[in-house]
Every structure is written in structure tokens, then in C-alpha cells.
Protein backbone atom coordinates (compact mmCIF):
# COMPACT_ATOMS: atom_id res chain seq x y z
CA MET A 1 2.18 102.33 -59.34
CA GLU A 2 5.91 102.02 -58.96
CA ASN A 3 5.59 101.43 -55.20
CA ARG A 4 3.08 98.67 -55.81
CA SER A 5 5.22 97.03 -58.46
CA HIS A 6 8.26 97.15 -56.16
CA ALA A 7 6.26 95.58 -53.33
CA LEU A 8 4.98 92.85 -55.64
CA MET A 9 8.46 92.07 -56.89
CA THR A 10 9.77 92.00 -53.32
CA GLY A 11 7.05 89.60 -52.25
CA ILE A 12 7.67 87.28 -55.20
CA PHE A 13 11.40 87.34 -54.53
CA THR A 14 10.85 86.53 -50.85
CA LEU A 15 8.57 83.62 -51.62
CA THR A 16 10.97 82.30 -54.24
CA LEU A 17 13.86 82.53 -51.81
CA LEU A 18 11.83 80.77 -49.12
CA VAL A 19 10.82 77.93 -51.44
CA ALA A 20 14.42 77.58 -52.63
CA ALA A 21 15.63 77.41 -49.01
CA VAL A 22 13.11 74.70 -48.20
CA LEU A 23 14.03 72.68 -51.28
CA PHE A 24 17.71 73.11 -50.53
CA GLY A 25 17.17 71.90 -46.95
CA ILE A 26 15.24 68.90 -48.16
CA TRP A 27 17.89 68.09 -50.72
CA PHE A 28 20.71 68.60 -48.24
CA ASN A 29 19.10 66.46 -45.55
CA ARG A 30 17.87 63.69 -47.79
CA ASP A 31 19.05 60.19 -47.06
CA ARG A 32 21.56 59.18 -49.72
CA VAL A 33 21.76 55.50 -48.59
CA GLU A 34 20.41 52.96 -51.06
CA TYR A 35 18.33 50.73 -48.76
CA ALA A 36 17.81 47.03 -49.47
CA PRO A 37 14.19 45.82 -49.43
CA TYR A 38 13.12 42.98 -47.11
CA LEU A 39 9.74 41.59 -46.18
CA LEU A 40 8.14 40.28 -43.03
CA ALA A 41 5.21 37.92 -43.57
CA THR A 42 3.46 36.94 -40.34
CA SER A 43 0.14 35.80 -38.96
CA LEU A 44 0.97 37.28 -35.55
CA SER A 45 -0.54 40.53 -34.35
CA VAL A 46 1.67 43.65 -34.66
CA PRO A 47 0.17 46.12 -32.15
CA GLY A 48 1.84 49.54 -32.03
CA LEU A 49 3.81 49.05 -35.29
CA ASN A 50 3.40 51.92 -37.78
CA PRO A 51 5.06 52.97 -41.04
CA GLN A 52 8.35 54.80 -40.54
CA ALA A 53 8.96 52.76 -37.39
CA ALA A 54 12.61 52.01 -36.71
CA VAL A 55 14.35 48.75 -37.64
CA ARG A 56 17.20 47.82 -35.29
CA TYR A 57 19.81 45.11 -35.50
CA ARG A 58 20.83 44.15 -31.95
CA GLY A 59 20.06 47.68 -30.78
CA LEU A 60 21.59 49.57 -33.72
CA GLU A 61 19.18 51.42 -36.02
CA VAL A 62 19.67 50.07 -39.55
CA GLY A 63 16.44 50.95 -41.39
CA LYS A 64 12.75 51.69 -41.20
CA VAL A 65 9.32 50.27 -41.94
CA ASP A 66 8.00 51.37 -45.31
CA THR A 67 4.45 50.03 -45.43
CA ILE A 68 2.20 47.57 -43.65
CA ASP A 69 -0.58 45.81 -45.54
CA PHE A 70 -2.39 42.51 -45.89
CA ASP A 71 -1.18 39.62 -48.03
CA PRO A 72 -3.58 39.40 -51.00
CA THR A 73 -2.78 35.71 -51.54
CA ILE A 74 -3.10 34.40 -47.97
CA ALA A 75 -6.03 35.53 -45.84
CA GLY A 76 -5.07 36.80 -42.39
CA GLN A 77 -1.37 37.21 -43.15
CA ILE A 78 0.28 40.62 -42.70
CA LEU A 79 3.10 41.92 -44.90
CA VAL A 80 5.58 44.40 -43.42
CA HIS A 81 7.89 46.01 -46.00
CA LEU A 82 11.31 47.01 -44.64
CA SER A 83 14.13 49.15 -45.97
CA ILE A 84 17.44 48.12 -44.40
CA ASP A 85 20.98 49.39 -44.81
CA PRO A 86 22.83 46.99 -47.17
CA ALA A 87 25.78 46.92 -44.76
CA THR A 88 23.60 45.20 -42.16
CA PRO A 89 24.62 41.50 -41.83
CA ILE A 90 21.26 39.99 -42.74
CA THR A 91 21.82 36.20 -43.00
CA LYS A 92 19.69 33.13 -43.58
CA THR A 93 19.39 32.64 -39.80
CA THR A 94 18.32 36.23 -39.04
CA PHE A 95 14.92 36.61 -37.38
CA ALA A 96 12.76 39.54 -36.24
CA THR A 97 10.73 40.29 -33.12
CA LEU A 98 8.63 43.23 -31.98
CA GLY A 99 10.17 45.58 -29.43
CA TYR A 100 8.52 48.43 -27.57
CA GLN A 101 9.93 51.78 -26.52
CA GLY A 102 9.45 52.38 -22.82
CA VAL A 103 5.87 52.98 -21.72
CA THR A 104 4.74 54.69 -24.91
CA GLY A 105 3.78 51.43 -26.60
CA ILE A 106 5.43 52.47 -29.90
CA ALA A 107 6.73 49.31 -31.55
CA TYR A 108 9.84 48.78 -33.65
CA ILE A 109 11.42 45.85 -35.46
CA GLN A 110 14.25 44.13 -33.58
CA LEU A 111 16.54 41.96 -35.72
CA ASP A 112 18.81 39.28 -34.30
CA ASP A 113 20.75 36.23 -35.47
CA GLU A 114 20.87 32.70 -34.09
CA THR A 115 24.48 32.06 -35.09
CA VAL A 116 27.52 33.98 -36.26
CA GLY A 117 28.98 33.47 -39.73
CA SER A 118 25.85 32.27 -41.54
CA PRO A 119 25.54 32.91 -45.30
CA ARG A 120 24.19 36.35 -46.29
CA LEU A 121 20.58 36.61 -47.39
CA ALA A 122 20.38 38.11 -50.90
CA THR A 123 17.43 40.33 -51.88
CA ASN A 124 16.26 42.62 -54.68
CA GLN A 125 13.47 45.07 -55.47
CA ASP A 126 11.46 42.62 -57.56
CA ASN A 127 11.56 39.76 -55.08
CA PRO A 128 12.37 40.91 -51.52
CA SER A 129 13.67 38.18 -49.23
CA ARG A 130 11.56 37.30 -46.24
CA ILE A 131 12.71 37.46 -42.64
CA PRO A 132 10.70 35.34 -40.15
CA LEU A 133 8.88 37.21 -37.39
CA ARG A 134 8.93 35.36 -34.07
CA PRO A 135 6.66 35.98 -31.08
CA GLY A 136 7.91 38.82 -28.93
CA LEU A 137 7.84 39.21 -25.19
CA LEU A 138 4.22 40.36 -25.09
CA ASP A 139 3.11 37.48 -27.31
CA GLN A 140 4.86 34.98 -25.07
CA LEU A 141 3.34 36.57 -21.98
CA GLU A 142 -0.09 36.45 -23.56
CA LYS A 143 0.29 32.79 -24.54
CA ARG A 144 1.62 31.76 -21.16
CA GLY A 145 -0.97 33.91 -19.42
CA GLN A 146 -3.73 32.03 -21.19
CA ALA A 147 -2.15 28.71 -20.15
CA ILE A 148 -1.89 29.95 -16.56
CA LEU A 149 -5.52 31.05 -16.60
CA SER A 150 -6.58 27.65 -17.93
CA GLN A 151 -4.63 25.90 -15.18
CA ALA A 152 -6.08 28.28 -12.58
CA GLU A 153 -9.59 27.45 -13.77
CA GLU A 154 -8.79 23.73 -13.58
CA VAL A 155 -7.39 24.09 -10.06
CA THR A 156 -10.46 26.08 -9.02
CA SER A 157 -12.74 23.39 -10.41
CA LYS A 158 -10.83 20.69 -8.52
CA LEU A 159 -10.98 22.75 -5.32
CA ASN A 160 -14.74 23.11 -5.74
CA THR A 161 -15.02 19.35 -6.15
CA LEU A 162 -12.72 18.75 -3.16
CA LEU A 163 -14.73 21.10 -0.97
CA SER A 164 -18.09 19.63 -1.85
CA PRO A 165 -20.45 18.96 1.11
CA ASP A 166 -19.76 15.21 1.13
CA ASN A 167 -15.99 15.74 1.04
CA GLN A 168 -16.24 18.37 3.76
CA LYS A 169 -17.94 15.83 6.00
CA THR A 170 -15.25 13.28 5.22
CA ILE A 171 -12.47 15.78 5.97
CA LEU A 172 -14.09 16.82 9.24
CA ALA A 173 -14.48 13.17 10.23
CA ALA A 174 -10.80 12.58 9.44
CA PHE A 175 -9.83 15.56 11.59
CA SER A 176 -11.97 14.17 14.41
CA ASP A 177 -10.23 10.79 14.12
CA VAL A 178 -6.83 12.46 14.18
CA SER A 179 -7.82 14.46 17.24
CA ALA A 180 -9.02 11.32 19.02
CA ALA A 181 -5.79 9.51 18.14
CA ALA A 182 -3.77 12.45 19.44
CA ASN A 183 -5.68 12.32 22.72
CA GLU A 184 -4.99 8.59 23.00
CA TYR A 185 -1.29 9.21 22.43
CA LYS A 186 -1.33 11.84 25.14
CA ALA A 187 -2.74 9.30 27.61
CA LEU A 188 -0.24 6.61 26.54
CA PRO A 189 2.74 7.94 28.60
CA ALA A 190 0.62 7.94 31.77
CA ARG A 191 -0.37 4.30 31.15
CA LEU A 192 3.18 3.22 30.42
CA GLY A 193 4.59 5.08 33.43
CA PRO A 194 4.33 2.18 35.94
CA THR A 195 5.82 -0.26 33.46
CA ILE A 196 8.67 2.11 32.67
CA ASP A 197 9.31 2.56 36.39
CA LYS A 198 9.67 -1.22 36.76
CA LEU A 199 12.18 -1.52 33.93
CA PRO A 200 15.30 -0.67 36.03
CA ALA A 201 14.45 -3.40 38.59
CA LEU A 202 13.73 -5.85 35.76
CA VAL A 203 17.07 -5.03 34.16
CA ASN A 204 18.86 -5.55 37.48
CA LYS A 205 17.18 -8.93 37.90
CA ALA A 206 18.16 -9.89 34.37
CA ASP A 207 21.76 -8.89 35.09
CA THR A 208 21.70 -10.97 38.28
CA ALA A 209 20.29 -13.98 36.40
CA ILE A 210 22.96 -13.64 33.72
CA ASP A 211 25.66 -13.45 36.40
CA SER A 212 24.23 -16.59 38.03
CA VAL A 213 24.23 -18.43 34.71
CA ASN A 214 27.82 -17.39 34.06
CA THR A 215 28.84 -18.55 37.55
CA LEU A 216 27.05 -21.88 37.04
CA ALA A 217 28.74 -22.36 33.68
CA GLN A 218 32.14 -21.64 35.22
CA ASP A 219 31.46 -24.10 38.08
CA VAL A 220 30.39 -26.81 35.63
CA THR A 221 33.49 -26.16 33.55
CA ARG A 222 35.74 -26.45 36.58
CA LEU A 223 33.89 -29.63 37.69
CA SER A 224 34.27 -31.16 34.24
CA GLN A 225 37.96 -30.27 34.14
CA SER A 226 38.54 -31.69 37.62
CA LEU A 227 36.75 -34.89 36.73
CA GLN A 228 38.52 -35.31 33.38
CA GLY A 229 41.93 -33.97 34.37
CA PRO A 230 45.01 -36.14 34.95
CA ASN A 231 44.41 -38.46 37.93
CA GLY A 232 40.86 -37.16 38.08
CA ALA A 233 37.89 -39.00 39.44
CA LEU A 234 36.86 -40.37 36.03
CA ASP A 235 40.37 -41.63 35.33
CA ARG A 236 40.58 -43.27 38.77
CA ILE A 237 37.11 -44.85 38.45
CA THR A 238 37.88 -46.04 34.93
CA GLY A 239 41.21 -47.51 36.07
CA ALA A 240 39.60 -49.24 39.00
CA PHE A 241 36.92 -50.73 36.79
CA ASP A 242 39.52 -51.78 34.25
CA ARG A 243 41.61 -53.46 36.92
CA THR A 244 38.55 -55.13 38.39
CA ALA A 245 37.49 -56.37 34.99
CA MET A 246 40.94 -57.71 34.29
CA SER A 247 41.02 -59.47 37.67
CA VAL A 248 37.61 -60.94 37.09
CA GLU A 249 38.60 -62.10 33.62
CA SER A 250 41.81 -63.66 34.89
CA VAL A 251 40.01 -65.40 37.74
CA ALA A 252 37.26 -66.56 35.42
CA THR A 253 39.79 -67.86 32.96
CA GLY A 254 41.79 -69.68 35.58
CA ALA A 255 38.87 -71.20 37.42
CA GLN A 256 36.63 -71.56 34.36
CA LEU A 257 33.61 -70.41 36.37
CA GLU A 258 30.15 -71.18 35.10
CA THR A 259 29.12 -67.52 35.66
CA LEU A 260 31.67 -66.17 33.17
CA PRO A 261 29.09 -64.82 30.65
CA SER A 262 27.35 -62.82 33.40
CA ILE A 263 30.61 -61.36 34.66
CA THR A 264 31.66 -60.47 31.10
CA ALA A 265 28.33 -58.73 30.44
CA LEU A 266 28.67 -56.82 33.71
CA THR A 267 32.11 -55.69 32.68
CA ASP A 268 30.90 -54.50 29.25
CA GLU A 269 28.02 -52.57 30.81
CA THR A 270 30.40 -50.93 33.26
CA ARG A 271 32.68 -49.84 30.44
CA SER A 272 29.72 -48.51 28.44
CA SER A 273 28.49 -46.56 31.47
CA MET A 274 31.90 -45.04 31.98
CA ARG A 275 32.09 -44.02 28.31
CA ALA A 276 28.64 -42.42 28.58
CA VAL A 277 29.75 -40.53 31.69
CA ARG A 278 32.87 -39.37 29.88
CA ARG A 279 30.83 -38.19 26.87
CA THR A 280 28.48 -36.33 29.20
CA MET A 281 31.37 -34.61 30.92
CA ASN A 282 32.91 -33.69 27.55
CA THR A 283 29.58 -32.17 26.46
CA LEU A 284 29.35 -30.17 29.69
CA ASN A 285 32.92 -29.01 29.21
CA ASP A 286 32.29 -27.89 25.61
CA ARG A 287 28.75 -26.46 26.13
CA PRO A 288 28.05 -25.59 29.79
CA GLN A 289 24.87 -23.79 28.70
CA SER A 290 23.34 -27.18 27.80
CA ILE A 291 22.44 -27.52 31.48
CA LEU A 292 19.90 -24.69 30.99
CA PHE A 293 19.01 -24.95 27.28
CA GLY A 294 19.48 -28.65 26.65
CA ALA A 295 21.79 -30.48 24.28
CA PRO A 296 22.03 -29.17 20.70
CA ALA A 297 20.08 -30.93 18.00
CA ALA A 298 21.99 -33.63 16.19
CA THR A 299 23.12 -32.93 12.64
CA PRO A 300 20.67 -34.64 10.22
CA GLY A 301 22.15 -37.49 8.26
CA PRO A 302 21.47 -38.65 4.69
CA GLY A 303 17.79 -39.19 4.11
CA GLU A 304 16.76 -37.17 7.18
CA PRO A 305 14.85 -33.86 6.97
CA GLY A 306 17.20 -30.88 6.74
CA PHE A 307 20.17 -32.84 5.42
CA THR A 308 22.38 -30.86 3.03
CA ALA A 309 25.00 -32.64 0.97
CA PRO A 310 28.48 -31.08 1.29
CA THR A 311 29.67 -29.14 -1.74
CA ASN A 312 33.18 -29.48 -3.13
């Protein structure tokens, strides 16, 4: 009996010591930080997020997820209760996103702030403050992926319309026209070859004609200068006519001939002819090219078409 009683007492003592060690370990390792409660209210999906998931502020672990449940007042809204270290700088511009650990798919709450120095966000147990949950990377990829798929479907539909049988015929006809035009362009150099070969001779002839025109213009200029120069032919002819006219006038005056009006008219016509010759020579001297292209058009006067009044 004594052996059994000793064994029983030993067993009870061992169990008591084991329970005490467990309780002591729990008490020693318990978290003594008084966490501040916060709340995430979102209509976004939270795949991979579980209670006891980590809460990180810019990569530093500052708390955990307590519970996840539905909002009883708003259908479809999810409430995520958080416990965060009070020393964490939660401000009025702080926001949350979902992050994922490697390839495991386990989600955690990632906190960040838009600005630095914003006012702190106060909270309490009775009325936890709410932190907005923004779409994470996967949400953005999903949203943009849907937009890309919609655009891909639209592009596919347009391609189907573009490649309809009627449009295929039109495209093939356009290709045939382009091919025919390309063949015509290929034959064009062969057709233009003889004309291109004649261009050097044509250019030489044009140069020769231009040289001839320049020589003619120089000859006309020299002729005009020789005729109008000092003691030139025009001056001598004009002087002779002037002397003749004066002699005729003096004779007519002295003899009082009956033919005086005729002689006077002849003298006037001679002077007019000489002035016309002089004007012609002056024109040739100023514009030798008028021999080939004609005299320039006269400037229109008042009342004539093309007349422009001078501006002051």
C-alpha cells in the first residue's frame, strides 16, 4: 500500500510541476504591450487574410489581425479588427493594403502614409478608428486584366470585321493595284532612258543659245553706245539736220518762199524722227533683251486697268 501511495503522490507532484511550468512559460512569454484597436471596413475581397495575420507599417511588424467578420449594418462589407502597437504613427492619412508573403499566398496588412507629419488618429476600445483599405497589387492586376481582356475582345471583333470576305476581296484588289503600279514604275526608267540620254545635248544647245543671246546683247549695247557717244552717228546726223533746218529757215525767211510751210513741216518731221531714233537707241542701251522679248509693257496710268495709286 505504501508503494502505491508513494507512486500516486509522485505522479500528482509531476503533473502539478508540469502544469506549473506550462503556466509559468505562458505567463513569462505573454505579450505585455497594450495594443490599440483599429478597424478596416472594406468591400474589397481579402483572399489569404486570416486571424493572427501580421500587421506591418512600412515593413515593420506593429500588430496583428484579431478577427474578420461581416458588417451587420452594411451588406457585403467586411470588418477586419486590428490590434496595433500604440507607438505606431497612425495618422489621418494612413491607409492599408494587402501584401502577400512569397509564394505561399498568406496575406498580411501593410500600412503606409501619404504624407509625413499628419495629425495622429485617435482611437479607443468602444469606438475603434477606421483605416481605409486600398486595392493591392493583385486587385489592380485583376482590374487592369479585365480591361485588357475587354480591349482584346474588341480588337478581335474589329479584326473579324476587317477580315470579312468582302474586305478580303477589297484588300486583295488593292494589293493587285499596287503590284500593277509597281510594275509600271519599273518600266518607267526604260521609257525615260532615251529622253534622259538627250538631256546633255539639250543642255549644251541651251548654253549655246544663252551665249549667243549674251553676245547679241553685248553687240547691241556697243552699237547703241557708238551711235549715242560723243561725235557719234546720231549726234552727227542730228547736227546735220539741225544745220540744214536752220539754213532752210534762214533762206526761207530771207526769200519769203511760198513753200515755207512745207519746208517747216519737213523739218519738224525730221526732228521727230531723230528723237524717235534716239529713244529707240536709249531703249536698246537700257534693255538689250527687248530685241528678243519685246519692249516692256507701259506702266498703267490713272483710270487704266492695273493702276495703283502711290502711297505716302
